[in-house]
N, C-alpha and C. Protein backbone atom coordinates (compact mmCIF):
# COMPACT_ATOMS: atom_id res chain seq x y z
N MET A 1 -24.39 114.14 -25.17
CA MET A 1 -24.48 112.91 -25.95
C MET A 1 -25.03 111.78 -25.09
N ILE A 2 -25.95 111.01 -25.64
CA ILE A 2 -26.49 109.83 -24.97
C ILE A 2 -26.27 108.63 -25.89
N SER A 3 -25.53 107.65 -25.41
CA SER A 3 -25.30 106.42 -26.16
C SER A 3 -25.98 105.26 -25.42
N VAL A 4 -26.99 104.67 -26.07
CA VAL A 4 -27.72 103.56 -25.46
C VAL A 4 -27.09 102.24 -25.89
N ARG A 5 -26.81 101.39 -24.92
CA ARG A 5 -26.24 100.06 -25.17
C ARG A 5 -27.25 99.02 -24.71
N ARG A 6 -27.65 98.15 -25.63
CA ARG A 6 -28.69 97.17 -25.33
C ARG A 6 -28.12 95.92 -24.66
N SER A 7 -28.98 95.30 -23.85
CA SER A 7 -28.60 94.11 -23.11
C SER A 7 -28.06 93.01 -24.02
N ASP A 8 -28.73 92.79 -25.16
CA ASP A 8 -28.34 91.70 -26.05
C ASP A 8 -27.03 91.96 -26.77
N ASP A 9 -26.53 93.20 -26.73
CA ASP A 9 -25.27 93.52 -27.39
C ASP A 9 -24.06 93.22 -26.51
N ARG A 10 -24.29 92.86 -25.26
CA ARG A 10 -23.17 92.56 -24.38
C ARG A 10 -22.50 91.25 -24.79
N PHE A 11 -21.20 91.15 -24.50
CA PHE A 11 -20.45 89.94 -24.80
C PHE A 11 -20.79 88.86 -23.77
N ARG A 12 -21.06 87.68 -24.26
CA ARG A 12 -21.38 86.55 -23.37
C ARG A 12 -20.13 85.73 -23.10
N GLY A 13 -19.83 85.56 -21.81
CA GLY A 13 -18.66 84.79 -21.43
C GLY A 13 -19.03 83.81 -20.32
N GLY A 14 -18.04 83.50 -19.50
CA GLY A 14 -18.27 82.56 -18.40
C GLY A 14 -17.86 81.15 -18.75
N ASP A 15 -18.36 80.21 -17.98
CA ASP A 15 -18.03 78.79 -18.14
C ASP A 15 -19.29 77.99 -17.81
N GLY A 16 -20.05 77.64 -18.86
CA GLY A 16 -21.31 76.95 -18.65
C GLY A 16 -21.16 75.65 -17.88
N ALA A 17 -20.07 74.92 -18.13
CA ALA A 17 -19.85 73.64 -17.45
C ALA A 17 -19.64 73.84 -15.95
N ALA A 18 -19.15 75.02 -15.57
CA ALA A 18 -18.92 75.32 -14.15
C ALA A 18 -20.09 76.06 -13.52
N GLY A 19 -21.16 76.27 -14.29
CA GLY A 19 -22.33 76.96 -13.74
C GLY A 19 -22.20 78.46 -13.70
N ILE A 20 -21.35 79.03 -14.59
CA ILE A 20 -21.10 80.47 -14.60
C ILE A 20 -21.47 81.03 -15.96
N GLU A 21 -22.35 82.01 -15.98
CA GLU A 21 -22.69 82.74 -17.20
C GLU A 21 -22.44 84.22 -16.96
N SER A 22 -21.68 84.84 -17.86
CA SER A 22 -21.30 86.24 -17.70
C SER A 22 -21.73 87.05 -18.92
N ARG A 23 -22.10 88.31 -18.66
CA ARG A 23 -22.42 89.23 -19.74
C ARG A 23 -21.64 90.52 -19.49
N HIS A 24 -20.76 90.87 -20.43
CA HIS A 24 -19.82 91.96 -20.24
C HIS A 24 -20.21 93.18 -21.08
N SER A 25 -20.31 94.33 -20.44
CA SER A 25 -20.66 95.57 -21.14
C SER A 25 -19.45 96.29 -21.71
N PHE A 26 -18.25 95.94 -21.24
CA PHE A 26 -17.01 96.54 -21.72
C PHE A 26 -16.03 95.43 -22.07
N SER A 27 -14.97 95.78 -22.77
CA SER A 27 -13.92 94.79 -23.05
C SER A 27 -13.50 94.13 -21.75
N PHE A 28 -13.44 92.80 -21.79
CA PHE A 28 -13.16 92.07 -20.55
C PHE A 28 -12.70 90.67 -20.91
N GLY A 29 -11.60 90.22 -20.27
CA GLY A 29 -11.13 88.86 -20.49
C GLY A 29 -10.81 88.61 -21.96
N THR A 30 -11.44 87.59 -22.52
CA THR A 30 -11.17 87.23 -23.92
C THR A 30 -11.87 88.15 -24.91
N PHE A 31 -12.75 89.03 -24.43
CA PHE A 31 -13.46 89.95 -25.31
C PHE A 31 -12.72 91.28 -25.35
N TYR A 32 -12.24 91.66 -26.54
CA TYR A 32 -11.51 92.91 -26.68
C TYR A 32 -12.11 93.75 -27.79
N ASP A 33 -12.52 94.95 -27.44
CA ASP A 33 -13.03 95.91 -28.40
C ASP A 33 -12.32 97.23 -28.11
N PRO A 34 -11.41 97.68 -28.99
CA PRO A 34 -10.64 98.89 -28.70
C PRO A 34 -11.50 100.14 -28.55
N ASP A 35 -12.73 100.10 -29.05
CA ASP A 35 -13.63 101.25 -28.93
C ASP A 35 -14.55 101.15 -27.71
N ASN A 36 -14.33 100.13 -26.89
CA ASN A 36 -15.21 99.90 -25.73
C ASN A 36 -14.39 99.46 -24.52
N LEU A 37 -13.38 100.25 -24.20
CA LEU A 37 -12.49 99.88 -23.11
C LEU A 37 -12.97 100.39 -21.75
N ARG A 38 -13.61 101.57 -21.75
CA ARG A 38 -14.02 102.16 -20.48
C ARG A 38 -14.96 103.32 -20.77
N PHE A 39 -15.60 103.83 -19.71
CA PHE A 39 -16.39 105.05 -19.78
C PHE A 39 -16.05 105.86 -18.55
N GLY A 40 -15.25 106.93 -18.74
CA GLY A 40 -14.72 107.62 -17.57
C GLY A 40 -13.92 106.63 -16.75
N PRO A 41 -14.13 106.57 -15.43
CA PRO A 41 -13.39 105.61 -14.61
C PRO A 41 -13.95 104.19 -14.65
N ILE A 42 -15.12 103.97 -15.27
CA ILE A 42 -15.72 102.64 -15.28
C ILE A 42 -14.98 101.75 -16.27
N LEU A 43 -14.42 100.65 -15.75
CA LEU A 43 -13.67 99.69 -16.56
C LEU A 43 -14.48 98.46 -16.91
N ALA A 44 -15.46 98.14 -16.10
CA ALA A 44 -16.25 96.93 -16.33
C ALA A 44 -17.62 97.07 -15.69
N CYS A 45 -18.59 96.45 -16.33
CA CYS A 45 -19.93 96.27 -15.74
C CYS A 45 -20.36 94.89 -16.16
N ASN A 46 -20.16 93.93 -15.28
CA ASN A 46 -20.40 92.52 -15.59
C ASN A 46 -21.64 92.01 -14.87
N GLU A 47 -22.50 91.35 -15.61
CA GLU A 47 -23.65 90.67 -15.00
C GLU A 47 -23.29 89.19 -14.89
N GLU A 48 -23.23 88.70 -13.67
CA GLU A 48 -22.80 87.32 -13.41
C GLU A 48 -23.98 86.48 -12.93
N HIS A 49 -24.09 85.29 -13.51
CA HIS A 49 -25.11 84.32 -13.10
C HIS A 49 -24.38 83.08 -12.61
N LEU A 50 -24.57 82.74 -11.34
CA LEU A 50 -23.91 81.58 -10.75
C LEU A 50 -24.96 80.57 -10.29
N ALA A 51 -24.82 79.34 -10.76
CA ALA A 51 -25.68 78.26 -10.29
C ALA A 51 -25.31 77.92 -8.85
N PRO A 52 -26.22 77.28 -8.09
CA PRO A 52 -25.87 76.87 -6.73
C PRO A 52 -24.58 76.05 -6.72
N GLY A 53 -23.67 76.43 -5.83
CA GLY A 53 -22.39 75.73 -5.71
C GLY A 53 -21.30 76.26 -6.62
N ALA A 54 -21.65 77.14 -7.55
CA ALA A 54 -20.65 77.69 -8.48
C ALA A 54 -20.01 78.94 -7.90
N GLY A 55 -18.86 79.30 -8.47
CA GLY A 55 -18.23 80.52 -8.00
C GLY A 55 -16.88 80.75 -8.62
N PHE A 56 -16.28 81.88 -8.23
CA PHE A 56 -14.94 82.25 -8.67
C PHE A 56 -13.99 81.98 -7.51
N GLU A 57 -13.09 81.04 -7.71
CA GLU A 57 -12.15 80.70 -6.65
C GLU A 57 -11.16 81.84 -6.43
N GLU A 58 -10.33 81.73 -5.42
CA GLU A 58 -9.47 82.84 -5.01
C GLU A 58 -8.66 83.38 -6.18
N HIS A 59 -8.73 84.70 -6.36
CA HIS A 59 -8.03 85.37 -7.45
C HIS A 59 -7.65 86.77 -7.00
N PRO A 60 -6.63 87.37 -7.62
CA PRO A 60 -6.12 88.67 -7.15
C PRO A 60 -6.74 89.86 -7.88
N HIS A 61 -6.72 91.00 -7.20
CA HIS A 61 -7.04 92.30 -7.80
C HIS A 61 -6.08 93.33 -7.22
N SER A 62 -5.85 94.38 -7.99
CA SER A 62 -5.08 95.52 -7.49
C SER A 62 -5.48 96.77 -8.25
N HIS A 63 -5.35 97.92 -7.60
CA HIS A 63 -5.60 99.23 -8.21
C HIS A 63 -6.97 99.28 -8.90
N THR A 64 -7.97 98.74 -8.23
CA THR A 64 -9.33 98.72 -8.79
C THR A 64 -10.33 98.89 -7.66
N GLU A 65 -11.37 99.71 -7.91
CA GLU A 65 -12.49 99.84 -6.98
C GLU A 65 -13.61 98.95 -7.50
N ILE A 66 -14.01 97.95 -6.73
CA ILE A 66 -14.98 96.95 -7.17
C ILE A 66 -16.26 97.10 -6.37
N VAL A 67 -17.36 97.40 -7.07
CA VAL A 67 -18.66 97.58 -6.42
C VAL A 67 -19.60 96.51 -6.95
N THR A 68 -20.27 95.81 -6.03
CA THR A 68 -21.13 94.69 -6.39
C THR A 68 -22.55 94.95 -5.91
N TRP A 69 -23.51 94.61 -6.77
CA TRP A 69 -24.94 94.76 -6.49
C TRP A 69 -25.62 93.43 -6.78
N VAL A 70 -26.17 92.79 -5.76
CA VAL A 70 -26.85 91.50 -5.94
C VAL A 70 -28.28 91.74 -6.43
N VAL A 71 -28.64 91.06 -7.50
CA VAL A 71 -29.98 91.16 -8.08
C VAL A 71 -30.90 90.13 -7.44
N GLU A 72 -30.43 88.89 -7.36
CA GLU A 72 -31.19 87.82 -6.68
C GLU A 72 -30.21 86.80 -6.14
N GLY A 73 -30.62 86.13 -5.06
CA GLY A 73 -29.76 85.14 -4.43
C GLY A 73 -28.85 85.76 -3.39
N GLU A 74 -27.80 85.02 -3.01
CA GLU A 74 -26.87 85.46 -1.98
C GLU A 74 -25.44 85.20 -2.44
N LEU A 75 -24.60 86.20 -2.29
CA LEU A 75 -23.20 86.11 -2.70
C LEU A 75 -22.31 85.97 -1.47
N THR A 76 -21.53 84.90 -1.42
CA THR A 76 -20.57 84.69 -0.35
C THR A 76 -19.23 85.29 -0.77
N HIS A 77 -18.70 86.16 0.08
CA HIS A 77 -17.42 86.83 -0.19
C HIS A 77 -16.44 86.51 0.93
N ARG A 78 -15.21 86.15 0.55
CA ARG A 78 -14.10 85.99 1.49
C ARG A 78 -12.86 86.60 0.85
N ASP A 79 -12.05 87.30 1.65
CA ASP A 79 -10.85 87.89 1.06
C ASP A 79 -9.64 87.72 1.97
N SER A 80 -8.47 88.04 1.40
CA SER A 80 -7.21 87.82 2.10
C SER A 80 -6.99 88.80 3.24
N ALA A 81 -7.85 89.83 3.35
CA ALA A 81 -7.77 90.76 4.49
C ALA A 81 -8.61 90.29 5.66
N GLY A 82 -9.24 89.10 5.52
CA GLY A 82 -9.98 88.52 6.64
C GLY A 82 -11.46 88.79 6.64
N HIS A 83 -12.00 89.41 5.62
CA HIS A 83 -13.44 89.68 5.57
C HIS A 83 -14.18 88.46 5.03
N ALA A 84 -15.31 88.16 5.65
CA ALA A 84 -16.17 87.06 5.20
C ALA A 84 -17.62 87.52 5.40
N THR A 85 -18.33 87.72 4.29
CA THR A 85 -19.69 88.24 4.36
C THR A 85 -20.59 87.53 3.36
N VAL A 86 -21.89 87.67 3.59
CA VAL A 86 -22.90 87.24 2.62
C VAL A 86 -23.62 88.50 2.17
N VAL A 87 -23.61 88.76 0.87
CA VAL A 87 -24.20 89.97 0.30
C VAL A 87 -25.53 89.61 -0.34
N ARG A 88 -26.56 90.38 0.01
CA ARG A 88 -27.92 90.07 -0.43
C ARG A 88 -28.49 91.21 -1.27
N PRO A 89 -29.61 90.98 -1.95
CA PRO A 89 -30.22 92.05 -2.75
C PRO A 89 -30.46 93.31 -1.91
N GLY A 90 -30.11 94.45 -2.49
CA GLY A 90 -30.26 95.72 -1.78
C GLY A 90 -29.04 96.17 -1.03
N ASP A 91 -28.02 95.29 -0.91
CA ASP A 91 -26.78 95.65 -0.25
C ASP A 91 -25.78 96.20 -1.28
N VAL A 92 -25.02 97.20 -0.89
CA VAL A 92 -23.90 97.67 -1.69
C VAL A 92 -22.61 97.10 -1.10
N GLN A 93 -21.83 96.42 -1.92
CA GLN A 93 -20.54 95.90 -1.49
C GLN A 93 -19.44 96.64 -2.23
N HIS A 94 -18.43 97.08 -1.51
CA HIS A 94 -17.32 97.83 -2.11
C HIS A 94 -16.00 97.25 -1.62
N LEU A 95 -15.23 96.71 -2.54
CA LEU A 95 -13.88 96.22 -2.25
C LEU A 95 -12.89 97.14 -2.95
N SER A 96 -12.10 97.85 -2.15
CA SER A 96 -11.04 98.68 -2.69
C SER A 96 -9.76 97.85 -2.72
N ALA A 97 -9.36 97.40 -3.92
CA ALA A 97 -8.24 96.46 -4.01
C ALA A 97 -6.91 97.13 -3.70
N ALA A 98 -6.79 98.43 -3.99
CA ALA A 98 -5.59 99.22 -3.67
C ALA A 98 -4.33 98.48 -4.11
N SER A 99 -3.36 98.31 -3.22
CA SER A 99 -2.07 97.72 -3.61
C SER A 99 -2.16 96.22 -3.85
N GLY A 100 -3.27 95.58 -3.48
CA GLY A 100 -3.43 94.17 -3.79
C GLY A 100 -4.23 93.41 -2.75
N VAL A 101 -5.15 92.58 -3.23
CA VAL A 101 -5.96 91.74 -2.35
C VAL A 101 -6.42 90.54 -3.16
N ARG A 102 -6.70 89.45 -2.47
CA ARG A 102 -7.23 88.25 -3.12
C ARG A 102 -8.60 87.96 -2.51
N HIS A 103 -9.53 87.46 -3.35
CA HIS A 103 -10.85 87.15 -2.79
C HIS A 103 -11.50 85.99 -3.52
N VAL A 104 -12.55 85.47 -2.87
CA VAL A 104 -13.37 84.37 -3.37
C VAL A 104 -14.80 84.86 -3.44
N GLU A 105 -15.49 84.53 -4.53
CA GLU A 105 -16.91 84.87 -4.68
C GLU A 105 -17.66 83.61 -5.08
N ARG A 106 -18.67 83.24 -4.28
CA ARG A 106 -19.35 81.97 -4.53
C ARG A 106 -20.85 82.09 -4.29
N ASN A 107 -21.58 81.16 -4.89
CA ASN A 107 -22.99 80.97 -4.56
C ASN A 107 -23.07 79.72 -3.70
N ASP A 108 -23.09 79.93 -2.41
CA ASP A 108 -23.18 78.80 -1.47
C ASP A 108 -24.63 78.51 -1.08
N GLY A 109 -25.58 79.21 -1.71
CA GLY A 109 -26.99 79.00 -1.42
C GLY A 109 -27.59 77.91 -2.29
N GLU A 110 -28.90 77.74 -2.16
CA GLU A 110 -29.61 76.70 -2.90
C GLU A 110 -30.35 77.26 -4.11
N SER A 111 -30.31 78.58 -4.29
CA SER A 111 -31.01 79.23 -5.40
C SER A 111 -30.00 79.89 -6.33
N PRO A 112 -30.38 80.12 -7.59
CA PRO A 112 -29.48 80.82 -8.51
C PRO A 112 -29.11 82.21 -7.99
N LEU A 113 -27.91 82.65 -8.34
CA LEU A 113 -27.40 83.95 -7.92
C LEU A 113 -27.15 84.81 -9.16
N THR A 114 -27.63 86.04 -9.13
CA THR A 114 -27.31 87.02 -10.17
C THR A 114 -26.80 88.27 -9.49
N PHE A 115 -25.66 88.77 -9.97
CA PHE A 115 -25.16 90.02 -9.41
C PHE A 115 -24.47 90.83 -10.50
N LEU A 116 -24.47 92.14 -10.29
CA LEU A 116 -23.74 93.07 -11.13
C LEU A 116 -22.45 93.44 -10.43
N GLN A 117 -21.36 93.44 -11.19
CA GLN A 117 -20.10 93.87 -10.61
C GLN A 117 -19.48 94.94 -11.51
N MET A 118 -19.18 96.07 -10.89
CA MET A 118 -18.66 97.22 -11.62
C MET A 118 -17.27 97.57 -11.10
N TRP A 119 -16.32 97.69 -12.03
CA TRP A 119 -14.95 98.02 -11.70
C TRP A 119 -14.67 99.46 -12.11
N LEU A 120 -14.07 100.22 -11.20
CA LEU A 120 -13.71 101.61 -11.49
C LEU A 120 -12.22 101.83 -11.21
N ALA A 121 -11.60 102.65 -12.02
CA ALA A 121 -10.19 102.98 -11.83
C ALA A 121 -10.05 104.02 -10.73
N PRO A 122 -9.13 103.83 -9.81
CA PRO A 122 -8.93 104.84 -8.75
C PRO A 122 -8.23 106.07 -9.28
N LEU A 123 -8.39 107.17 -8.58
CA LEU A 123 -7.70 108.40 -8.95
C LEU A 123 -6.20 108.27 -8.73
N GLU A 124 -5.82 107.54 -7.69
CA GLU A 124 -4.41 107.32 -7.36
C GLU A 124 -4.19 105.84 -7.10
N PRO A 125 -3.12 105.22 -7.60
CA PRO A 125 -2.85 103.81 -7.33
C PRO A 125 -2.29 103.62 -5.92
N GLY A 126 -2.25 102.36 -5.51
CA GLY A 126 -1.62 102.03 -4.24
C GLY A 126 -2.55 102.19 -3.05
N GLY A 127 -1.95 102.21 -1.86
CA GLY A 127 -2.72 102.30 -0.63
C GLY A 127 -3.04 100.94 -0.06
N ASP A 128 -3.79 100.93 1.04
CA ASP A 128 -4.16 99.69 1.70
C ASP A 128 -5.56 99.25 1.27
N PRO A 129 -5.76 97.96 1.05
CA PRO A 129 -7.10 97.47 0.68
C PRO A 129 -8.11 97.76 1.79
N SER A 130 -9.37 97.93 1.39
CA SER A 130 -10.44 98.14 2.36
C SER A 130 -11.71 97.47 1.84
N TYR A 131 -12.63 97.23 2.76
CA TYR A 131 -13.86 96.52 2.40
C TYR A 131 -15.03 97.14 3.16
N THR A 132 -16.12 97.42 2.44
CA THR A 132 -17.30 98.05 3.03
C THR A 132 -18.54 97.38 2.49
N THR A 133 -19.53 97.16 3.33
CA THR A 133 -20.86 96.77 2.87
C THR A 133 -21.88 97.70 3.51
N VAL A 134 -22.87 98.10 2.71
CA VAL A 134 -23.99 98.89 3.21
C VAL A 134 -25.23 98.02 3.05
N PRO A 135 -25.73 97.44 4.14
CA PRO A 135 -26.89 96.55 4.01
C PRO A 135 -28.17 97.32 3.76
N GLY A 136 -28.94 96.86 2.79
CA GLY A 136 -30.26 97.43 2.52
C GLY A 136 -30.25 98.91 2.29
N ILE A 137 -29.42 99.38 1.37
CA ILE A 137 -29.32 100.82 1.14
C ILE A 137 -30.68 101.37 0.71
N ALA A 138 -31.04 102.51 1.27
CA ALA A 138 -32.35 103.10 1.00
C ALA A 138 -32.40 103.73 -0.38
N ASP A 139 -33.59 103.79 -0.94
CA ASP A 139 -33.78 104.45 -2.23
C ASP A 139 -33.32 105.90 -2.15
N SER A 140 -32.66 106.35 -3.19
CA SER A 140 -32.18 107.73 -3.32
C SER A 140 -31.03 108.06 -2.38
N THR A 141 -30.50 107.08 -1.65
CA THR A 141 -29.34 107.33 -0.79
C THR A 141 -28.07 107.09 -1.60
N PRO A 142 -27.29 108.13 -1.88
CA PRO A 142 -26.09 107.93 -2.70
C PRO A 142 -24.98 107.24 -1.91
N TYR A 143 -24.15 106.51 -2.64
CA TYR A 143 -22.95 105.90 -2.05
C TYR A 143 -21.74 106.55 -2.70
N ALA A 144 -20.96 107.26 -1.90
CA ALA A 144 -19.79 107.98 -2.43
C ALA A 144 -18.62 107.03 -2.59
N LEU A 145 -17.93 107.18 -3.71
CA LEU A 145 -16.73 106.41 -3.99
C LEU A 145 -15.60 107.42 -4.28
N PRO A 146 -15.10 108.08 -3.23
CA PRO A 146 -14.11 109.14 -3.45
C PRO A 146 -12.83 108.62 -4.09
N GLU A 147 -12.52 107.34 -3.89
CA GLU A 147 -11.30 106.78 -4.48
C GLU A 147 -11.30 106.92 -6.00
N ALA A 148 -12.51 106.93 -6.61
CA ALA A 148 -12.64 107.06 -8.07
C ALA A 148 -13.29 108.38 -8.47
N GLY A 149 -13.58 109.25 -7.49
CA GLY A 149 -14.26 110.51 -7.78
C GLY A 149 -15.67 110.30 -8.28
N ALA A 150 -16.34 109.23 -7.83
CA ALA A 150 -17.64 108.84 -8.36
C ALA A 150 -18.68 108.74 -7.24
N MET A 151 -19.94 108.74 -7.65
CA MET A 151 -21.06 108.60 -6.72
C MET A 151 -22.08 107.64 -7.35
N LEU A 152 -22.51 106.64 -6.56
CA LEU A 152 -23.52 105.70 -7.02
C LEU A 152 -24.88 106.09 -6.46
N HIS A 153 -25.87 106.17 -7.36
CA HIS A 153 -27.25 106.46 -6.97
C HIS A 153 -28.10 105.22 -7.26
N VAL A 154 -28.85 104.77 -6.27
CA VAL A 154 -29.77 103.65 -6.42
C VAL A 154 -31.20 104.21 -6.46
N ARG A 155 -31.94 103.93 -7.53
CA ARG A 155 -33.31 104.42 -7.63
C ARG A 155 -34.26 103.27 -7.93
N ARG A 156 -35.34 103.23 -7.16
CA ARG A 156 -36.42 102.27 -7.37
C ARG A 156 -37.67 103.07 -7.71
N LEU A 157 -38.14 102.93 -8.94
CA LEU A 157 -39.20 103.77 -9.46
C LEU A 157 -40.51 103.00 -9.63
N ALA A 158 -41.62 103.67 -9.35
CA ALA A 158 -42.94 103.13 -9.64
C ALA A 158 -43.38 103.61 -11.02
N GLU A 159 -44.48 103.09 -11.51
CA GLU A 159 -45.03 103.49 -12.80
C GLU A 159 -45.21 105.01 -12.85
N GLY A 160 -44.61 105.64 -13.84
CA GLY A 160 -44.74 107.08 -14.04
C GLY A 160 -43.91 107.94 -13.13
N GLU A 161 -43.23 107.34 -12.15
CA GLU A 161 -42.40 108.14 -11.24
C GLU A 161 -41.17 108.66 -11.97
N ARG A 162 -40.77 109.88 -11.62
CA ARG A 162 -39.64 110.53 -12.27
C ARG A 162 -38.49 110.70 -11.30
N THR A 163 -37.30 110.65 -11.84
CA THR A 163 -36.12 110.96 -11.04
C THR A 163 -35.11 111.67 -11.92
N ALA A 164 -34.43 112.64 -11.35
CA ALA A 164 -33.45 113.41 -12.10
C ALA A 164 -32.18 112.59 -12.33
N VAL A 165 -31.64 112.72 -13.52
CA VAL A 165 -30.31 112.19 -13.81
C VAL A 165 -29.31 113.24 -13.35
N PRO A 166 -28.27 112.86 -12.60
CA PRO A 166 -27.32 113.88 -12.10
C PRO A 166 -26.74 114.71 -13.24
N ASP A 167 -26.63 116.00 -13.01
CA ASP A 167 -25.96 116.89 -13.97
C ASP A 167 -24.46 116.81 -13.70
N ALA A 168 -23.84 115.81 -14.30
CA ALA A 168 -22.41 115.56 -14.10
C ALA A 168 -21.74 115.48 -15.46
N PRO A 169 -20.41 115.61 -15.51
CA PRO A 169 -19.72 115.49 -16.79
C PRO A 169 -20.04 114.19 -17.51
N ARG A 170 -20.15 113.10 -16.74
CA ARG A 170 -20.53 111.80 -17.30
C ARG A 170 -21.49 111.11 -16.33
N VAL A 171 -22.43 110.38 -16.87
CA VAL A 171 -23.34 109.56 -16.07
C VAL A 171 -23.50 108.22 -16.77
N TYR A 172 -23.40 107.16 -15.99
CA TYR A 172 -23.63 105.80 -16.52
C TYR A 172 -24.89 105.26 -15.86
N VAL A 173 -25.89 104.92 -16.67
CA VAL A 173 -27.17 104.41 -16.18
C VAL A 173 -27.29 102.94 -16.56
N HIS A 174 -27.59 102.09 -15.59
CA HIS A 174 -27.81 100.66 -15.85
C HIS A 174 -29.15 100.25 -15.26
N VAL A 175 -30.02 99.68 -16.08
CA VAL A 175 -31.33 99.22 -15.61
C VAL A 175 -31.19 97.79 -15.09
N VAL A 176 -31.45 97.62 -13.81
CA VAL A 176 -31.34 96.31 -13.17
C VAL A 176 -32.59 95.47 -13.45
N ARG A 177 -33.74 96.08 -13.28
CA ARG A 177 -34.99 95.38 -13.53
C ARG A 177 -36.06 96.38 -13.94
N GLY A 178 -37.08 95.89 -14.65
CA GLY A 178 -38.16 96.76 -15.10
C GLY A 178 -37.73 97.59 -16.30
N GLY A 179 -38.37 98.74 -16.47
CA GLY A 179 -38.06 99.60 -17.60
C GLY A 179 -38.19 101.06 -17.24
N VAL A 180 -37.48 101.90 -17.98
CA VAL A 180 -37.54 103.35 -17.78
C VAL A 180 -37.46 104.03 -19.15
N ALA A 181 -37.96 105.25 -19.19
CA ALA A 181 -37.78 106.10 -20.36
C ALA A 181 -36.71 107.13 -20.04
N LEU A 182 -35.80 107.35 -20.99
CA LEU A 182 -34.77 108.38 -20.90
C LEU A 182 -34.88 109.20 -22.18
N GLY A 183 -35.54 110.34 -22.07
CA GLY A 183 -35.82 111.09 -23.29
C GLY A 183 -36.69 110.26 -24.22
N ASP A 184 -36.24 110.09 -25.45
CA ASP A 184 -36.99 109.30 -26.43
C ASP A 184 -36.64 107.82 -26.38
N ALA A 185 -35.68 107.44 -25.54
CA ALA A 185 -35.22 106.05 -25.49
C ALA A 185 -35.96 105.27 -24.40
N GLU A 186 -36.34 104.05 -24.72
CA GLU A 186 -36.93 103.13 -23.76
C GLU A 186 -35.87 102.11 -23.37
N LEU A 187 -35.58 102.02 -22.07
CA LEU A 187 -34.56 101.09 -21.57
C LEU A 187 -35.22 100.01 -20.74
N THR A 188 -34.80 98.78 -20.94
CA THR A 188 -35.31 97.65 -20.15
C THR A 188 -34.15 96.96 -19.46
N ALA A 189 -34.45 95.93 -18.69
CA ALA A 189 -33.44 95.27 -17.85
C ALA A 189 -32.22 94.86 -18.67
N GLY A 190 -31.05 95.25 -18.17
CA GLY A 190 -29.80 94.94 -18.83
C GLY A 190 -29.32 96.03 -19.77
N ASP A 191 -30.21 96.95 -20.14
CA ASP A 191 -29.81 98.06 -21.00
C ASP A 191 -29.05 99.11 -20.18
N ALA A 192 -28.22 99.87 -20.88
CA ALA A 192 -27.45 100.93 -20.23
C ALA A 192 -27.40 102.15 -21.12
N ALA A 193 -27.15 103.29 -20.51
CA ALA A 193 -26.96 104.54 -21.25
C ALA A 193 -25.69 105.20 -20.73
N ARG A 194 -24.85 105.67 -21.68
CA ARG A 194 -23.65 106.42 -21.35
C ARG A 194 -23.91 107.87 -21.75
N ILE A 195 -23.89 108.75 -20.77
CA ILE A 195 -24.32 110.13 -20.97
C ILE A 195 -23.12 111.05 -20.73
N SER A 196 -22.88 111.94 -21.68
CA SER A 196 -21.77 112.89 -21.57
C SER A 196 -22.27 114.29 -21.88
N GLY A 197 -21.96 115.24 -20.99
CA GLY A 197 -22.22 116.64 -21.26
C GLY A 197 -23.68 117.01 -21.40
N GLU A 198 -24.57 116.31 -20.69
CA GLU A 198 -26.00 116.60 -20.75
C GLU A 198 -26.46 117.14 -19.39
N ALA A 199 -27.55 117.89 -19.42
CA ALA A 199 -28.13 118.41 -18.18
C ALA A 199 -29.64 118.40 -18.30
N GLY A 200 -30.32 118.34 -17.13
CA GLY A 200 -31.77 118.41 -17.10
C GLY A 200 -32.48 117.15 -17.55
N LEU A 201 -31.79 116.01 -17.55
CA LEU A 201 -32.41 114.75 -17.97
C LEU A 201 -33.18 114.12 -16.82
N GLU A 202 -34.19 113.31 -17.17
CA GLU A 202 -34.96 112.56 -16.19
C GLU A 202 -35.15 111.13 -16.66
N LEU A 203 -35.30 110.24 -15.68
CA LEU A 203 -35.77 108.88 -15.94
C LEU A 203 -37.23 108.81 -15.50
N VAL A 204 -38.04 108.09 -16.27
CA VAL A 204 -39.45 107.90 -15.94
C VAL A 204 -39.72 106.40 -15.87
N GLY A 205 -40.27 105.95 -14.75
CA GLY A 205 -40.53 104.54 -14.57
C GLY A 205 -41.61 104.02 -15.50
N ASP A 206 -41.35 102.86 -16.09
CA ASP A 206 -42.34 102.14 -16.91
C ASP A 206 -42.69 100.87 -16.14
N GLY A 207 -43.65 100.97 -15.23
CA GLY A 207 -43.86 99.90 -14.27
C GLY A 207 -42.82 100.02 -13.17
N ALA A 208 -42.70 99.01 -12.32
CA ALA A 208 -41.69 99.03 -11.26
C ALA A 208 -40.32 98.84 -11.88
N ALA A 209 -39.36 99.66 -11.47
CA ALA A 209 -38.02 99.59 -12.04
C ALA A 209 -36.97 99.82 -10.96
N GLU A 210 -35.80 99.21 -11.17
CA GLU A 210 -34.64 99.44 -10.31
C GLU A 210 -33.48 99.85 -11.20
N VAL A 211 -32.84 100.96 -10.86
CA VAL A 211 -31.81 101.55 -11.71
C VAL A 211 -30.60 101.94 -10.87
N LEU A 212 -29.41 101.68 -11.42
CA LEU A 212 -28.18 102.17 -10.83
C LEU A 212 -27.65 103.29 -11.72
N MET A 213 -27.30 104.42 -11.11
CA MET A 213 -26.74 105.54 -11.86
C MET A 213 -25.40 105.94 -11.23
N TRP A 214 -24.36 105.98 -12.07
CA TRP A 214 -23.05 106.44 -11.63
C TRP A 214 -22.83 107.87 -12.06
N GLU A 215 -22.60 108.73 -11.10
CA GLU A 215 -22.23 110.13 -11.35
C GLU A 215 -20.71 110.17 -11.40
N LEU A 216 -20.16 110.58 -12.56
CA LEU A 216 -18.74 110.39 -12.84
C LEU A 216 -18.05 111.71 -13.17
N PRO A 217 -16.75 111.80 -12.92
CA PRO A 217 -15.99 113.00 -13.28
C PRO A 217 -15.71 113.02 -14.78
N ASP A 218 -15.17 114.11 -15.24
CA ASP A 218 -14.83 114.27 -16.66
C ASP A 218 -13.67 113.35 -17.05
C-alpha cells in the first residue's frame, strides 16, 4: 500500500506573532486526528519556519527519539545535558530524550531558518539521554537509529536519477526539495508517502531533488 500525503494537507500551526510557522504531518499539539496519530514508530514530522531571533524556549522531552534536518539557515541547539551546537543544512541531529531532557531551539542567525523535525517512539522507554550530530552526511549514507529500530536514508537525486526504496515492512518518504516520481505518483517539496508491504519500488528524480526515507519495522 502507498498512501500519498500532500504538503498542503498538513496542519498549520505555530505562532505568527513570535515568528514561528509550523506544518504538522501527524496529530500534534492542538491538532488531533485519531486516524493520523503515527506511522510505525514515527510520531511526528514537523516542518518549522523560524524568523531571525525566533525560537522554542527551554522545554522538556522524554521517551522520544528526535531527528532534525535543516533545510536552510542555522539552528542553535542547547540542552540540559550540556550540549550546545549549531546545526546546518546537510547535518543530521539526533537527540535521544530517554528518561528526560530539556532543550532550546533557536534561530540566532540573520536569515530565515527552515528545518524538519521527526519524532520516533523508542523500542524501550527510559535510559540516559544522548546527543549526536553527523555534519554534512554524504548522499546514500544511512543513519541508524537502533533505539527505534529505524534507519534514515538521505538521497540527493539529479534529473532522471533512480534510487531504490528500501524493501522494509514500512517506509516513510518525505521530499525536502525538488520533485520525484514514485510509481504513478508525482511528489514535490513537502509531500510524503507512507508505504507498507511493498517491494521493488524506486524514486526517480524530476530535476534536482532531496529526499529523506525512513526504513521502519513492522
